[in-house]
Amino acid sequence: MANGEWTALERLSILFYDGAGRVRVFTIDMDGGRALRVRLRLKLKASHIVAGLSGMGSILLWLILIFFNPYTDGTNLSPALNTFIMPFLPGCLALIAVFYSYRLLLLIAFGWSILPSLYLTGTPGIFAWFGVASLGYLFAYLLMKPRLRS
């Protein structure tokens, strides 16, 4: 930094331990001060990816079912509440299971969502994908290793 020149910070990486045996990296890249890119690289396992995709897919399908479905009556609250409890909340439970690596929540989400998902699987259209999301909870449960108690 001679003659009043500033040196630009090009990359800042922060390592932190998440308490579940994994080290996570938070990286900030600066391209000559013009662009700022922030990346969060996680050491994800296959069970986290399957459960996360299934949970987000179930939530997205519920949003399409309620708000963008031409056959849904916007004034009747009962179908929205029933489908909120059956496919939407298990998707949220699966996402919580991903963040905390708690596999029992995935089994609960599967058991909670399997019956309405089987019903919706028999319907024509994209709502048959609720069954795939429900099976994703089961596969993620089977893939996730049990946490060791210390």
C-alpha atoms as a PDB file:
ATOM      1  CA  MET A   1       0.000   0.000   0.000  1.00  0.00           C
ATOM      2  CA  ALA A   2       2.657   2.460  -0.986  1.00  0.00           C
ATOM      3  CA  ASN A   3       1.790   5.893  -2.331  1.00  0.00           C
ATOM      4  CA  GLY A   4      -1.796   5.799  -1.087  1.00  0.00           C
ATOM      5  CA  GLU A   5      -2.790   2.730  -3.100  1.00  0.00           C
ATOM      6  CA  TRP A   6      -5.313   0.323  -1.713  1.00  0.00           C
ATOM      7  CA  THR A   7      -5.083  -3.397  -2.187  1.00  0.00           C
ATOM      8  CA  ALA A   8      -8.341  -5.089  -2.979  1.00  0.00           C
ATOM      9  CA  LEU A   9      -9.533  -8.085  -1.054  1.00  0.00           C
ATOM     10  CA  GLU A  10      -9.995 -10.811  -3.640  1.00  0.00           C
ATOM     11  CA  ARG A  11     -11.324 -13.720  -1.607  1.00  0.00           C
ATOM     12  CA  LEU A  12     -12.450 -14.168   1.953  1.00  0.00           C
ATOM     13  CA  SER A  13     -13.130 -17.675   3.218  1.00  0.00           C
ATOM     14  CA  ILE A  14     -14.531 -18.489   6.624  1.00  0.00           C
ATOM     15  CA  LEU A  15     -14.448 -22.045   7.925  1.00  0.00           C
ATOM     16  CA  PHE A  16     -16.860 -23.039  10.649  1.00  0.00           C
ATOM     17  CA  TYR A  17     -17.808 -26.260  12.363  1.00  0.00           C
ATOM     18  CA  ASP A  18     -21.522 -27.015  12.306  1.00  0.00           C
ATOM     19  CA  GLY A  19     -21.612 -29.353  15.293  1.00  0.00           C
ATOM     20  CA  ALA A  20     -22.584 -32.401  13.236  1.00  0.00           C
ATOM     21  CA  GLY A  21     -19.057 -33.399  12.284  1.00  0.00           C
ATOM     22  CA  ARG A  22     -18.833 -31.322   9.104  1.00  0.00           C
ATOM     23  CA  VAL A  23     -16.761 -28.278   8.284  1.00  0.00           C
ATOM     24  CA  ARG A  24     -18.562 -25.712   6.173  1.00  0.00           C
ATOM     25  CA  VAL A  25     -16.963 -23.024   4.038  1.00  0.00           C
ATOM     26  CA  PHE A  26     -18.432 -19.562   3.474  1.00  0.00           C
ATOM     27  CA  THR A  27     -16.599 -17.815   0.630  1.00  0.00           C
ATOM     28  CA  ILE A  28     -16.872 -14.237  -0.622  1.00  0.00           C
ATOM     29  CA  ASP A  29     -15.242 -13.561  -4.009  1.00  0.00           C
ATOM     30  CA  MET A  30     -14.645 -10.042  -5.301  1.00  0.00           C
ATOM     31  CA  ASP A  31     -13.803  -9.477  -8.919  1.00  0.00           C
ATOM     32  CA  GLY A  32     -11.683  -6.327  -8.761  1.00  0.00           C
ATOM     33  CA  GLY A  33     -14.296  -4.584  -6.649  1.00  0.00           C
ATOM     34  CA  ARG A  34     -16.836  -4.681  -9.481  1.00  0.00           C
ATOM     35  CA  ALA A  35     -18.752  -7.820  -8.675  1.00  0.00           C
ATOM     36  CA  LEU A  36     -19.423  -9.495  -5.383  1.00  0.00           C
ATOM     37  CA  ARG A  37     -20.176 -13.179  -5.443  1.00  0.00           C
ATOM     38  CA  VAL A  38     -21.047 -15.023  -2.294  1.00  0.00           C
ATOM     39  CA  ARG A  39     -20.949 -18.796  -2.236  1.00  0.00           C
ATOM     40  CA  LEU A  40     -21.797 -21.142   0.537  1.00  0.00           C
ATOM     41  CA  ARG A  41     -20.213 -24.490  -0.151  1.00  0.00           C
ATOM     42  CA  LEU A  42     -21.702 -27.219   1.962  1.00  0.00           C
ATOM     43  CA  LYS A  43     -20.623 -30.754   2.351  1.00  0.00           C
ATOM     44  CA  LEU A  44     -23.957 -32.278   1.498  1.00  0.00           C
ATOM     45  CA  LYS A  45     -24.801 -35.918   1.545  1.00  0.00           C
ATOM     46  CA  ALA A  46     -27.163 -37.677  -0.842  1.00  0.00           C
ATOM     47  CA  SER A  47     -29.837 -37.897   1.848  1.00  0.00           C
ATOM     48  CA  HIS A  48     -29.792 -34.133   2.330  1.00  0.00           C
ATOM     49  CA  ILE A  49     -30.182 -33.542  -1.399  1.00  0.00           C
ATOM     50  CA  VAL A  50     -33.057 -36.029  -1.767  1.00  0.00           C
ATOM     51  CA  ALA A  51     -34.887 -34.716   1.310  1.00  0.00           C
ATOM     52  CA  GLY A  52     -34.355 -31.079   0.338  1.00  0.00           C
ATOM     53  CA  LEU A  53     -35.592 -31.599  -3.214  1.00  0.00           C
ATOM     54  CA  SER A  54     -38.587 -33.591  -1.978  1.00  0.00           C
ATOM     55  CA  GLY A  55     -39.521 -30.979   0.620  1.00  0.00           C
ATOM     56  CA  MET A  56     -39.139 -28.043  -1.757  1.00  0.00           C
ATOM     57  CA  GLY A  57     -40.975 -29.953  -4.491  1.00  0.00           C
ATOM     58  CA  SER A  58     -43.888 -30.688  -2.190  1.00  0.00           C
ATOM     59  CA  ILE A  59     -44.122 -27.048  -1.111  1.00  0.00           C
ATOM     60  CA  LEU A  60     -43.927 -25.846  -4.721  1.00  0.00           C
ATOM     61  CA  LEU A  61     -46.595 -28.319  -5.837  1.00  0.00           C
ATOM     62  CA  TRP A  62     -48.865 -27.178  -3.004  1.00  0.00           C
ATOM     63  CA  LEU A  63     -48.461 -23.546  -4.110  1.00  0.00           C
ATOM     64  CA  ILE A  64     -49.393 -24.543  -7.671  1.00  0.00           C
ATOM     65  CA  LEU A  65     -52.332 -26.628  -6.420  1.00  0.00           C
ATOM     66  CA  ILE A  66     -53.816 -23.811  -4.354  1.00  0.00           C
ATOM     67  CA  PHE A  67     -52.957 -20.585  -6.174  1.00  0.00           C
ATOM     68  CA  PHE A  68     -52.467 -21.518  -9.845  1.00  0.00           C
ATOM     69  CA  ASN A  69     -54.984 -24.316 -10.337  1.00  0.00           C
ATOM     70  CA  PRO A  70     -57.994 -23.293 -12.462  1.00  0.00           C
ATOM     71  CA  TYR A  71     -60.146 -25.922 -10.749  1.00  0.00           C
ATOM     72  CA  THR A  72     -59.566 -24.582  -7.248  1.00  0.00           C
ATOM     73  CA  ASP A  73     -62.233 -22.354  -5.756  1.00  0.00           C
ATOM     74  CA  GLY A  74     -60.526 -19.312  -4.272  1.00  0.00           C
ATOM     75  CA  THR A  75     -63.338 -18.567  -1.809  1.00  0.00           C
ATOM     76  CA  ASN A  76     -63.481 -21.980  -0.138  1.00  0.00           C
ATOM     77  CA  LEU A  77     -60.860 -22.267   2.604  1.00  0.00           C
ATOM     78  CA  SER A  78     -61.398 -25.938   3.533  1.00  0.00           C
ATOM     79  CA  PRO A  79     -59.455 -27.555   0.624  1.00  0.00           C
ATOM     80  CA  ALA A  80     -56.593 -25.125   1.119  1.00  0.00           C
ATOM     81  CA  LEU A  81     -56.404 -25.951   4.827  1.00  0.00           C
ATOM     82  CA  ASN A  82     -56.616 -29.715   4.249  1.00  0.00           C
ATOM     83  CA  THR A  83     -53.895 -29.694   1.623  1.00  0.00           C
ATOM     84  CA  PHE A  84     -51.809 -27.337   3.772  1.00  0.00           C
ATOM     85  CA  ILE A  85     -51.863 -29.864   6.612  1.00  0.00           C
ATOM     86  CA  MET A  86     -51.288 -32.959   4.475  1.00  0.00           C
ATOM     87  CA  PRO A  87     -48.652 -32.222   1.754  1.00  0.00           C
ATOM     88  CA  PHE A  88     -47.278 -28.785   2.771  1.00  0.00           C
ATOM     89  CA  LEU A  89     -46.373 -29.331   6.430  1.00  0.00           C
ATOM     90  CA  PRO A  90     -44.540 -32.645   5.812  1.00  0.00           C
ATOM     91  CA  GLY A  91     -42.453 -30.768   3.224  1.00  0.00           C
ATOM     92  CA  CYS A  92     -41.544 -28.209   5.880  1.00  0.00           C
ATOM     93  CA  LEU A  93     -40.762 -31.030   8.298  1.00  0.00           C
ATOM     94  CA  ALA A  94     -38.433 -32.595   5.722  1.00  0.00           C
ATOM     95  CA  LEU A  95     -36.591 -29.293   5.303  1.00  0.00           C
ATOM     96  CA  ILE A  96     -36.164 -29.035   9.070  1.00  0.00           C
ATOM     97  CA  ALA A  97     -34.803 -32.600   9.035  1.00  0.00           C
ATOM     98  CA  VAL A  98     -32.264 -31.557   6.394  1.00  0.00           C
ATOM     99  CA  PHE A  99     -31.006 -28.587   8.389  1.00  0.00           C
ATOM    100  CA  TYR A 100     -30.668 -30.511  11.641  1.00  0.00           C
ATOM    101  CA  SER A 101     -29.753 -33.928  10.134  1.00  0.00           C
ATOM    102  CA  TYR A 102     -32.527 -35.551  12.137  1.00  0.00           C
ATOM    103  CA  ARG A 103     -33.690 -38.653  10.320  1.00  0.00           C
ATOM    104  CA  LEU A 104     -36.724 -39.423  12.502  1.00  0.00           C
ATOM    105  CA  LEU A 105     -38.402 -36.277  11.151  1.00  0.00           C
ATOM    106  CA  LEU A 106     -38.088 -37.718   7.646  1.00  0.00           C
ATOM    107  CA  LEU A 107     -39.887 -40.890   8.710  1.00  0.00           C
ATOM    108  CA  ILE A 108     -42.621 -38.800  10.337  1.00  0.00           C
ATOM    109  CA  ALA A 109     -42.930 -36.706   7.154  1.00  0.00           C
ATOM    110  CA  PHE A 110     -43.241 -39.882   5.080  1.00  0.00           C
ATOM    111  CA  GLY A 111     -45.900 -41.418   7.320  1.00  0.00           C
ATOM    112  CA  TRP A 112     -47.791 -38.140   7.464  1.00  0.00           C
ATOM    113  CA  SER A 113     -47.844 -37.553   3.721  1.00  0.00           C
ATOM    114  CA  ILE A 114     -48.121 -41.017   2.207  1.00  0.00           C
ATOM    115  CA  LEU A 115     -51.942 -41.356   2.144  1.00  0.00           C
ATOM    116  CA  PRO A 116     -52.768 -37.989   0.539  1.00  0.00           C
ATOM    117  CA  SER A 117     -49.804 -38.450  -1.788  1.00  0.00           C
ATOM    118  CA  LEU A 118     -51.127 -41.825  -2.930  1.00  0.00           C
ATOM    119  CA  TYR A 119     -54.504 -40.208  -3.587  1.00  0.00           C
ATOM    120  CA  LEU A 120     -52.927 -37.369  -5.577  1.00  0.00           C
ATOM    121  CA  THR A 121     -50.711 -39.833  -7.449  1.00  0.00           C
ATOM    122  CA  GLY A 122     -53.859 -41.301  -8.989  1.00  0.00           C
ATOM    123  CA  THR A 123     -54.885 -37.958 -10.456  1.00  0.00           C
ATOM    124  CA  PRO A 124     -53.821 -36.852 -13.930  1.00  0.00           C
ATOM    125  CA  GLY A 125     -51.409 -33.962 -14.209  1.00  0.00           C
ATOM    126  CA  ILE A 126     -48.453 -32.703 -12.250  1.00  0.00           C
ATOM    127  CA  PHE A 127     -49.984 -33.399  -8.862  1.00  0.00           C
ATOM    128  CA  ALA A 128     -49.008 -37.042  -9.240  1.00  0.00           C
ATOM    129  CA  TRP A 129     -45.531 -35.803  -8.283  1.00  0.00           C
ATOM    130  CA  PHE A 130     -46.686 -35.583  -4.654  1.00  0.00           C
ATOM    131  CA  GLY A 131     -46.158 -39.358  -4.543  1.00  0.00           C
ATOM    132  CA  VAL A 132     -42.563 -38.942  -5.715  1.00  0.00           C
ATOM    133  CA  ALA A 133     -41.973 -36.331  -3.017  1.00  0.00           C
ATOM    134  CA  SER A 134     -43.386 -38.655  -0.378  1.00  0.00           C
ATOM    135  CA  LEU A 135     -41.169 -41.515  -1.552  1.00  0.00           C
ATOM    136  CA  GLY A 136     -38.252 -39.064  -1.471  1.00  0.00           C
ATOM    137  CA  TYR A 137     -38.800 -38.662   2.281  1.00  0.00           C
ATOM    138  CA  LEU A 138     -38.572 -42.436   2.709  1.00  0.00           C
ATOM    139  CA  PHE A 139     -35.457 -42.759   0.532  1.00  0.00           C
ATOM    140  CA  ALA A 140     -33.778 -39.889   2.366  1.00  0.00           C
ATOM    141  CA  TYR A 141     -34.608 -41.571   5.682  1.00  0.00           C
ATOM    142  CA  LEU A 142     -33.034 -44.806   4.467  1.00  0.00           C
ATOM    143  CA  LEU A 143     -29.949 -43.011   3.113  1.00  0.00           C
ATOM    144  CA  MET A 144     -29.330 -40.855   6.181  1.00  0.00           C
ATOM    145  CA  LYS A 145     -27.085 -42.475   8.731  1.00  0.00           C
ATOM    146  CA  PRO A 146     -28.218 -42.429  12.349  1.00  0.00           C
ATOM    147  CA  ARG A 147     -26.597 -39.817  14.544  1.00  0.00           C
ATOM    148  CA  LEU A 148     -24.210 -41.227  17.101  1.00  0.00           C
ATOM    149  CA  ARG A 149     -24.928 -40.205  20.653  1.00  0.00           C
ATOM    150  CA  SER A 150     -21.923 -39.048  22.595  1.00  0.00           C
END
